[in-house]
Protein backbone atom coordinates (compact mmCIF):
# COMPACT_ATOMS: atom_id res chain seq x y z
CA UNK A 1 0.20 -0.16 -0.42
CA UNK A 2 1.30 3.76 -0.26
CA UNK A 3 1.76 5.59 2.45
CA UNK A 4 -0.77 7.27 4.37
CA UNK A 5 -1.05 11.46 4.36
CA UNK A 6 1.38 11.87 7.98
CA UNK A 7 -0.75 14.72 8.43
CA UNK A 8 -4.22 13.41 9.40
CA UNK A 9 -5.32 9.65 11.88
CA UNK A 10 -5.63 7.05 9.78
CA UNK A 11 -9.63 6.21 10.31
CA UNK A 12 -10.78 2.63 11.67
CA UNK A 13 -12.31 1.51 8.11
CA UNK A 14 -8.50 1.68 6.74
CA UNK A 15 -7.47 -1.19 9.87
CA UNK A 16 -10.45 -3.13 8.96
CA UNK A 17 -10.19 -3.40 4.76
CA UNK A 18 -9.56 -6.79 2.95
CA UNK A 19 -9.47 -4.60 -0.01
CA UNK A 20 -6.21 -3.48 -1.36
CA UNK A 21 -4.93 -1.89 -3.79
CA UNK A 22 -2.02 -0.13 -5.39
CA UNK A 23 -0.40 1.82 -8.06
CA UNK A 24 2.52 3.23 -9.41
CA UNK A 25 2.48 7.27 -9.83
CA UNK A 26 2.70 8.85 -13.20
CA UNK A 27 5.66 8.88 -15.41
CA UNK A 28 6.24 10.64 -18.68
CA UNK A 29 3.55 11.72 -21.25
CA UNK A 30 0.72 10.54 -22.20
CA UNK A 31 -2.87 10.30 -24.19
CA UNK A 32 -6.03 9.39 -23.26
CA UNK A 33 -9.76 10.32 -23.95
CA UNK A 34 -10.62 10.93 -20.27
CA UNK A 35 -8.50 12.73 -17.57
CA UNK A 36 -10.11 11.97 -14.16
CA UNK A 37 -8.24 14.40 -11.75
CA UNK A 38 -9.36 12.54 -8.22
CA UNK A 39 -9.20 8.83 -7.16
CA UNK A 40 -12.24 9.16 -4.94
CA UNK A 41 -15.74 7.39 -5.44
CA UNK A 42 -16.61 10.32 -7.46
CA UNK A 43 -13.99 10.11 -9.96
CA UNK A 44 -13.65 5.92 -9.96
CA UNK A 45 -17.30 5.43 -10.40
CA UNK A 46 -17.28 8.05 -13.68
CA UNK A 47 -14.13 6.40 -14.95
CA UNK A 48 -15.79 3.16 -14.84
CA UNK A 49 -18.65 4.19 -16.78
CA UNK A 50 -17.01 5.99 -19.11
CA UNK A 51 -14.34 2.91 -19.26
CA UNK A 52 -17.68 1.04 -20.32
CA UNK A 53 -18.69 3.38 -23.14
CA UNK A 54 -15.08 2.23 -24.71
CA UNK A 55 -13.42 5.75 -24.33
CA UNK A 56 -9.36 5.38 -22.64
CA UNK A 57 -9.35 6.73 -19.42
CA UNK A 58 -6.60 8.06 -17.32
CA UNK A 59 -6.86 8.87 -13.17
CA UNK A 60 -4.56 11.11 -11.42
CA UNK A 61 -5.11 10.60 -7.81
CA UNK A 62 -2.79 13.39 -5.13
CA UNK A 63 -2.73 10.87 -2.57
CA UNK A 64 -2.97 6.98 -2.48
CA UNK A 65 -6.99 5.86 -3.26
CA UNK A 66 -9.22 6.25 -0.43
CA UNK A 67 -6.52 8.92 1.82
CA UNK A 68 -9.51 11.80 0.82
CA UNK A 69 -13.02 11.67 2.17
CA UNK A 70 -14.32 8.64 0.01
CA UNK A 71 -12.50 6.67 2.76
CA UNK A 72 -13.48 8.79 5.62
CA UNK A 73 -16.67 8.94 6.10
CA UNK A 74 -18.91 7.29 8.40
CA UNK A 75 -20.03 4.83 5.53
CA UNK A 76 -23.56 5.08 5.26
CA UNK A 77 -25.59 4.62 2.23
CA UNK A 78 -29.05 7.67 1.93
CA UNK A 79 -30.72 7.86 -1.51
CA UNK A 80 -31.88 10.92 -0.16
CA UNK A 81 -31.00 14.56 0.79
CA UNK A 82 -30.32 16.59 3.28
CA UNK A 83 -32.94 19.17 3.22
CA UNK A 84 -35.16 18.26 0.79
CA UNK A 85 -38.33 15.69 -0.06
CA UNK A 86 -39.25 14.48 -3.61
CA UNK A 87 -41.74 17.11 -4.27
CA UNK A 88 -38.65 19.77 -3.65
CA UNK A 89 -36.21 17.84 -5.53
CA UNK A 90 -38.72 17.53 -8.42
CA UNK A 91 -39.24 20.98 -8.17
CA UNK A 92 -35.54 22.43 -7.82
CA UNK A 93 -33.88 19.81 -10.17
CA UNK A 94 -36.62 18.48 -12.18
CA UNK A 95 -37.76 14.17 -12.21
CA UNK A 96 -34.87 13.14 -13.58
CA UNK A 97 -32.87 13.73 -11.09
CA UNK A 98 -35.29 12.58 -8.46
CA UNK A 99 -35.55 9.27 -10.56
CA UNK A 100 -31.15 8.81 -10.60
CA UNK A 101 -31.47 9.77 -6.92
CA UNK A 102 -33.83 7.13 -6.31
CA UNK A 103 -31.85 4.75 -7.92
CA UNK A 104 -28.42 5.77 -5.69
CA UNK A 105 -27.97 3.12 -3.05
CA UNK A 106 -29.27 0.12 -5.98
CA UNK A 107 -26.22 1.90 -8.11
CA UNK A 108 -23.43 1.17 -5.62
CA UNK A 109 -24.95 -2.44 -3.91
CA UNK A 110 -24.69 -3.17 -7.82
CA UNK A 111 -21.49 -2.56 -7.78
CA UNK A 112 -20.76 -4.19 -4.83
CA UNK A 113 -22.41 -7.50 -6.22
CA UNK A 114 -20.72 -6.68 -10.03
CA UNK A 115 -17.08 -6.64 -8.38
CA UNK A 116 -17.29 -8.56 -5.95
CA UNK A 117 -15.98 -5.33 -3.75
CA UNK A 118 -15.55 -7.10 0.10
CA UNK A 119 -16.51 -3.88 2.29
CA UNK A 120 -18.76 -4.84 4.72
CA UNK A 121 -21.69 -3.86 2.42
CA UNK A 122 -24.93 -4.09 4.31
CA UNK A 123 -28.08 -3.47 2.97
CA UNK A 124 -30.33 -3.17 6.09
CA UNK A 125 -31.99 0.16 5.77
CA UNK A 126 -31.68 3.69 7.01
CA UNK A 127 -33.19 4.98 9.68
CA UNK A 128 -34.10 9.34 10.32
CA UNK A 129 -34.98 9.40 14.30
CA UNK A 130 -36.99 12.69 14.74
CA UNK A 131 -35.79 14.84 17.59
CA UNK A 132 -38.91 16.23 18.70
CA UNK A 133 -42.78 15.96 17.98
CA UNK A 134 -43.16 18.37 15.39
CA UNK A 135 -39.65 17.09 12.92
CA UNK A 136 -41.57 13.45 13.09
CA UNK A 137 -44.91 15.29 11.39
CA UNK A 138 -42.01 16.53 9.06
CA UNK A 139 -40.73 13.36 8.56
CA UNK A 140 -44.37 10.98 8.61
CA UNK A 141 -45.39 13.19 5.32
CA UNK A 142 -40.91 13.02 3.57
CA UNK A 143 -42.01 9.22 4.19
CA UNK A 144 -45.14 9.64 2.23
CA UNK A 145 -43.61 11.54 -0.73
CA UNK A 146 -41.09 8.56 -0.92
CA UNK A 147 -43.89 6.12 -0.91
CA UNK A 148 -45.39 7.72 -3.56
CA UNK A 149 -42.00 7.38 -5.65
CA UNK A 150 -41.95 3.87 -4.80
CA UNK A 151 -39.10 3.68 -2.41
CA UNK A 152 -39.23 1.18 -0.34
CA UNK A 153 -40.10 3.63 3.04
CA UNK A 154 -42.67 4.40 5.65
CA UNK A 155 -43.42 6.04 8.68
CA UNK A 156 -42.53 4.86 12.31
CA UNK A 157 -44.44 5.73 15.44
CA UNK A 158 -42.45 6.56 18.68
CA UNK A 159 -42.66 2.56 20.09
CA UNK A 160 -41.10 1.38 16.75
CA UNK A 161 -38.68 3.63 16.39
CA UNK A 162 -36.81 3.29 19.75
CA UNK A 163 -36.83 -1.22 18.97
CA UNK A 164 -35.36 -0.27 16.25
CA UNK A 165 -32.36 1.72 17.39
CA UNK A 166 -32.53 0.34 21.25
CA UNK A 167 -33.53 4.14 22.37
CA UNK A 168 -36.44 6.36 23.79
CA UNK A 169 -34.48 9.25 23.17
CA UNK A 170 -36.43 9.69 19.39
CA UNK A 171 -40.04 10.72 19.02
CA UNK A 172 -40.52 8.40 15.56
CA UNK A 173 -39.36 8.85 12.21
CA UNK A 174 -39.24 6.81 9.17
CA UNK A 175 -37.30 4.29 7.63
CA UNK A 176 -35.62 3.80 3.76
CA UNK A 177 -35.42 0.16 3.93
CA UNK A 178 -32.96 0.64 0.32
CA UNK A 179 -30.28 2.21 2.69
CA UNK A 180 -27.63 0.66 4.36
CA UNK A 181 -23.84 1.22 5.28
CA UNK A 182 -20.51 0.23 4.07
CA UNK A 183 -16.58 0.12 4.91
CA UNK A 184 -16.06 3.82 2.58
CA UNK A 185 -12.10 2.85 2.55
CA UNK A 186 -12.56 -0.64 1.27
CA UNK A 187 -15.55 0.15 -1.32
CA UNK A 188 -12.65 2.91 -2.44
CA UNK A 189 -9.96 0.52 -3.02
CA UNK A 190 -12.80 -2.22 -3.96
CA UNK A 191 -13.09 0.43 -7.12
CA UNK A 192 -10.06 1.01 -7.97
CA UNK A 193 -9.28 -2.81 -8.27
CA UNK A 194 -12.00 -3.08 -10.34
CA UNK A 195 -11.70 -0.63 -12.68
CA UNK A 196 -8.12 -1.26 -13.03
CA UNK A 197 -9.49 -4.48 -14.24
CA UNK A 198 -11.45 -3.21 -16.23
CA UNK A 199 -8.07 -1.45 -18.14
CA UNK A 200 -8.49 1.86 -16.56
CA UNK A 201 -5.26 3.63 -15.87
CA UNK A 202 -4.42 5.01 -12.61
CA UNK A 203 -1.97 6.80 -10.50
CA UNK A 204 -1.69 7.44 -7.20
CA UNK A 205 0.63 10.21 -5.48
CA UNK A 206 0.84 12.27 -8.72
CA UNK A 207 -0.95 15.66 -7.53
CA UNK A 208 -2.38 17.52 -10.85
CA UNK A 209 -0.60 21.00 -10.81
CA UNK A 210 -1.83 22.69 -13.58
CA UNK A 211 -4.52 22.11 -16.63
CA UNK A 212 -4.08 23.77 -19.79
CA UNK A 213 -6.03 24.14 -23.13
CA UNK A 214 -4.53 24.21 -26.56
CA UNK A 215 -5.09 22.90 -30.33
CA UNK A 216 -8.18 20.86 -28.93
CA UNK A 217 -6.69 19.03 -26.26
CA UNK A 218 -6.10 19.60 -22.08
CA UNK A 219 -3.09 19.17 -20.72
CA UNK A 220 -2.82 17.69 -16.88
CA UNK A 221 0.57 18.76 -15.63
CA UNK A 222 0.93 16.13 -13.00
CA UNK A 223 4.39 15.11 -10.66
CA UNK A 224 6.16 12.86 -12.34
CA UNK A 225 4.56 13.99 -16.17
CA UNK A 226 1.75 14.66 -18.20
CA UNK A 227 -1.48 13.61 -19.24
CA UNK A 228 -3.38 15.03 -22.77
CA UNK A 229 -6.81 14.42 -23.66
CA UNK A 230 -9.80 15.59 -24.78
CA UNK A 231 -12.13 15.62 -21.85
CA UNK A 232 -11.26 16.19 -18.67
CA UNK A 233 -13.21 15.02 -15.21
CA UNK A 234 -12.94 16.74 -11.99
CA UNK A 235 -13.59 14.90 -8.94
CA UNK A 236 -12.08 16.76 -6.58
CA UNK A 237 -15.03 17.61 -4.07
CA UNK A 238 -13.75 19.49 -0.82
CA UNK A 239 -10.06 19.30 -1.65
CA UNK A 240 -10.75 21.13 -4.97
CA UNK A 241 -7.68 23.69 -5.40
CA UNK A 242 -7.44 26.13 -8.63
CA UNK A 243 -7.34 24.00 -11.39
CA UNK A 244 -10.72 25.42 -12.10
CA UNK A 245 -10.70 28.49 -11.51
CA UNK A 246 -13.70 30.06 -9.19
CA UNK A 247 -14.94 26.53 -8.80
CA UNK A 248 -13.11 26.41 -5.08
CA UNK A 249 -15.40 29.41 -4.20
CA UNK A 250 -18.54 27.15 -4.66
CA UNK A 251 -18.48 25.66 -1.70
CA UNK A 252 -17.59 25.41 2.20
CA UNK A 253 -15.35 22.80 2.83
CA UNK A 254 -16.20 21.61 6.50
CA UNK A 255 -14.44 19.09 8.16
CA UNK A 256 -16.50 16.10 9.44
CA UNK A 257 -14.92 14.20 12.38
CA UNK A 258 -16.19 10.27 12.86
CA UNK A 259 -15.40 8.56 16.56
CA UNK A 260 -15.79 4.47 17.31
CA UNK A 261 -16.32 3.01 20.11
CA UNK A 262 -15.16 0.15 21.89
CA UNK A 263 -16.68 -3.03 20.45
CA UNK A 264 -19.93 -3.15 22.47
CA UNK A 265 -19.56 -7.08 22.97
CA UNK A 266 -22.64 -8.27 25.09
CA UNK A 267 -24.51 -4.89 23.81
CA UNK A 268 -24.14 -5.00 20.63
CA UNK A 269 -27.44 -6.77 21.02
CA UNK A 270 -29.96 -3.95 22.31
CA UNK A 271 -28.02 -1.31 19.83
CA UNK A 272 -29.37 -0.81 16.09
CA UNK A 273 -30.61 -4.68 16.67
CA UNK A 274 -31.60 -4.99 12.92
CA UNK A 275 -28.08 -3.26 11.80
CA UNK A 276 -29.38 -0.35 10.08
CA UNK A 277 -27.54 3.24 10.35
CA UNK A 278 -29.70 6.62 11.50
CA UNK A 279 -28.88 10.44 11.22
CA UNK A 280 -31.86 11.80 12.85
CA UNK A 281 -32.96 15.33 11.96
CA UNK A 282 -31.33 17.69 14.26
CA UNK A 283 -29.33 20.85 12.48
CA UNK A 284 -25.72 19.56 14.20
CA UNK A 285 -26.58 16.13 13.26
CA UNK A 286 -26.61 12.99 14.97
CA UNK A 287 -25.43 9.48 13.72
CA UNK A 288 -24.42 6.21 13.92
CA UNK A 289 -24.16 2.73 12.75
CA UNK A 290 -22.52 -0.37 13.83
CA UNK A 291 -19.12 -1.61 12.45
CA UNK A 292 -18.68 -5.61 11.61
CA UNK A 293 -16.84 -6.08 14.82
CA UNK A 294 -19.81 -4.45 17.21
CA UNK A 295 -18.00 -1.22 17.41
CA UNK A 296 -20.66 2.17 17.87
CA UNK A 297 -19.01 4.46 14.35
CA UNK A 298 -20.50 7.87 15.38
CA UNK A 299 -19.46 11.45 14.61
CA UNK A 300 -20.41 15.34 14.45
CA UNK A 301 -18.67 18.74 13.70
CA UNK A 302 -16.98 20.45 16.08
CA UNK A 303 -17.13 25.06 16.25
CA UNK A 304 -13.32 25.12 17.18
CA UNK A 305 -10.70 22.55 15.92
CA UNK A 306 -7.89 22.80 18.35
CA UNK A 307 -7.37 19.50 20.49
CA UNK A 308 -10.09 18.03 18.67
CA UNK A 309 -8.86 14.38 19.26
CA UNK A 310 -9.75 15.04 22.89
CA UNK A 311 -12.14 17.31 22.50
CA UNK A 312 -14.50 15.13 20.44
CA UNK A 313 -14.74 11.48 22.23
CA UNK A 314 -16.11 13.63 25.25
CA UNK A 315 -18.74 15.08 22.42
CA UNK A 316 -19.27 12.14 21.45
CA UNK A 317 -19.73 10.29 24.67
CA UNK A 318 -22.24 12.74 25.92
CA UNK A 319 -24.32 12.38 23.18
CA UNK A 320 -24.29 8.45 23.57
CA UNK A 321 -24.75 8.97 27.18
CA UNK A 322 -27.79 11.29 26.22
CA UNK A 323 -29.20 7.99 23.33
CA UNK A 324 -28.77 5.29 26.39
CA UNK A 325 -27.00 5.70 29.40
CA UNK A 326 -24.55 2.87 29.66
CA UNK A 327 -23.26 4.03 26.41
CA UNK A 328 -21.78 7.34 28.18
CA UNK A 329 -18.59 5.42 29.66
CA UNK A 330 -17.60 3.19 26.53
CA UNK A 331 -14.38 4.40 25.33
CA UNK A 332 -13.37 5.98 22.25
CA UNK A 333 -10.93 3.58 20.21
CA UNK A 334 -10.36 5.56 16.83
CA UNK A 335 -11.14 9.44 15.97
CA UNK A 336 -10.48 10.68 12.57
CA UNK A 337 -11.80 13.47 10.35
CA UNK A 338 -12.58 14.25 6.21
CA UNK A 339 -13.42 16.97 4.31
CA UNK A 340 -16.67 17.07 2.67
CA UNK A 341 -18.27 19.72 0.21
CA UNK A 342 -21.23 21.80 1.36
CA UNK A 343 -22.97 24.07 -1.13
CA UNK A 344 -25.06 26.85 0.25
CA UNK A 345 -28.36 25.40 -0.54
CA UNK A 346 -27.34 22.07 -0.09
CA UNK A 347 -28.03 21.01 -3.28
CA UNK A 348 -25.39 19.04 -6.16
CA UNK A 349 -24.06 21.16 -8.87
CA UNK A 350 -22.66 19.83 -12.43
CA UNK A 351 -20.98 22.41 -13.94
CA UNK A 352 -19.13 21.98 -17.32
CA UNK A 353 -17.16 24.46 -19.79
CA UNK A 354 -17.93 23.86 -23.94
CA UNK A 355 -14.24 22.89 -24.34
CA UNK A 356 -15.03 19.20 -22.77
CA UNK A 357 -14.13 19.84 -18.97
CA UNK A 358 -16.97 18.59 -16.26
CA UNK A 359 -17.34 18.06 -12.52
CA UNK A 360 -20.37 17.48 -10.27
CA UNK A 361 -19.50 19.28 -6.28
CA UNK A 362 -21.63 19.44 -3.96
CA UNK A 363 -22.08 16.16 -1.87
CA UNK A 364 -23.57 17.76 1.07
CA UNK A 365 -22.58 14.75 3.66
CA UNK A 366 -24.08 12.37 1.28
CA UNK A 367 -21.75 11.65 -1.07
CA UNK A 368 -21.66 7.93 -0.76
CA UNK A 369 -24.35 6.42 -3.13
CA UNK A 370 -24.87 9.96 -5.01
CA UNK A 371 -21.62 10.00 -6.18
CA UNK A 372 -22.20 6.11 -7.68
CA UNK A 373 -25.08 7.75 -9.53
CA UNK A 374 -23.72 10.42 -10.54
CA UNK A 375 -21.02 8.92 -12.35
CA UNK A 376 -23.32 8.66 -15.21
CA UNK A 377 -24.23 11.89 -15.51
CA UNK A 378 -20.42 13.14 -15.83
CA UNK A 379 -20.16 10.81 -18.15
CA UNK A 380 -22.89 11.92 -20.29
CA UNK A 381 -21.64 15.53 -19.65
CA UNK A 382 -18.02 14.42 -21.13
CA UNK A 383 -19.55 12.90 -24.22
CA UNK A 384 -20.93 15.64 -25.32
CA UNK A 385 -24.76 14.48 -24.40
CA UNK A 386 -26.88 18.28 -24.67
CA UNK A 387 -28.01 20.19 -21.47
CA UNK A 388 -31.34 19.72 -21.53
CA UNK A 389 -30.64 16.00 -21.52
CA UNK A 390 -28.59 15.34 -19.11
CA UNK A 391 -30.15 13.76 -15.32
CA UNK A 392 -28.91 16.99 -13.32
CA UNK A 393 -28.65 20.19 -15.31
CA UNK A 394 -25.05 21.88 -15.61
CA UNK A 395 -25.22 25.96 -14.35
CA UNK A 396 -23.01 28.45 -13.97
CA UNK A 397 -20.16 28.96 -11.37
CA UNK A 398 -21.77 30.73 -8.37
CA UNK A 399 -19.60 32.20 -6.07
CA UNK A 400 -20.52 31.99 -2.57
CA UNK A 401 -20.46 35.64 -0.97
CA UNK A 402 -17.45 36.62 1.23
CA UNK A 403 -16.07 32.95 -0.06
CA UNK A 404 -12.68 33.52 2.44
CA UNK A 405 -14.41 34.35 4.88
CA UNK A 406 -17.53 32.47 5.17
CA UNK A 407 -14.93 28.92 4.38
CA UNK A 408 -12.81 30.25 7.54
CA UNK A 409 -15.25 30.54 10.29
CA UNK A 410 -18.76 28.82 8.66
CA UNK A 411 -18.39 26.03 11.69
CA UNK A 412 -18.63 29.31 13.72
CA UNK A 413 -22.59 28.76 13.48
CA UNK A 414 -22.47 25.21 15.09
CA UNK A 415 -23.35 26.55 18.61
CA UNK A 416 -26.81 28.72 16.99
CA UNK A 417 -27.74 25.31 15.39
CA UNK A 418 -27.29 23.22 18.55
CA UNK A 419 -28.79 26.47 20.35
CA UNK A 420 -32.76 26.17 17.32
CA UNK A 421 -32.32 22.33 17.92
CA UNK A 422 -32.54 22.43 21.76
CA UNK A 423 -35.62 24.77 21.21
CA UNK A 424 -37.77 23.61 18.84
CA UNK A 425 -40.49 21.48 20.51
């Protein structure tokens, strides 16, 4: 395996992964039909899709596959957006995107099955518990919308939710039985193995330093060489720099922290007994799932990131105690973090240029399944499918107002969000 970035703690998922992949850095000058910048889930699934369409593809990954946000997530597979139900999605982004989103979990688990990716995949469902009666009423309506779309969803009352999660801390909620959870690092590495086996060329540890366009070709300059191609896919998410001037100013990168307890042992049967994943209705989100060894894997955000490795365990232990008192004393065994790309409207955005550069950005914490679904859209975009026929219509870059200030201070809104969560009745 290639070396892990020394400045970032390795996630639990890496030690649990049974998937392995490594590749040589770029050397010399090469030509392809498409160059994909970024070897996370978005880049690798798009590379697989383009390869299936007969395009030659080179993927350039700045570090090692899985070192970025794809390998650092909580691992929940959710075929839904954070703030928008089906009616709002249909109105805002259109019916084709709603259909694409509805199939997102199918696409992810389909890739697991097709390529035999050993990532502890559990399609046991996803739950959204409601932390107040008003939120319970809201998500009951949300569940009805998903049912009307044909999704395997339904509302749950307080008693059933308590039985499903192992806690009476919530007021009901809803379930989507098509969801579940995976080891996201193993899934990402397994995608790289699968893509390489299909003929996609992958180079790790070669950050792209420049993209230039001349005489109908893009040239990606990277450590060790260059790749020239008429089409480029940027799959850099929250690690987006200035390869596409202005793109990074359309998002707010946010650090999402993860924490894992020691294995629960005998208590494991009482916590999420059906092995679902859940994320609740708070604005300062609370969520959890179990890993294959019975640990609780949860996480959260910090307004101040100083001493995160000691402060986050205290935060998570306190929340676990509110969920179920005996969990407060569980030692926190692993802590790590990753950066996610947030958009102001909490929606994904597709961007492309007339000369063959395309990207989608704005996972907003729901990137695992969404990235698998968006591979088809990105492939369509670089294969010259007209805007009107794309499942997500391209939009111009829209800079976040006061971006330098907002990107540094956005996390300071957390105390306000927590106060709002506590005041809602």
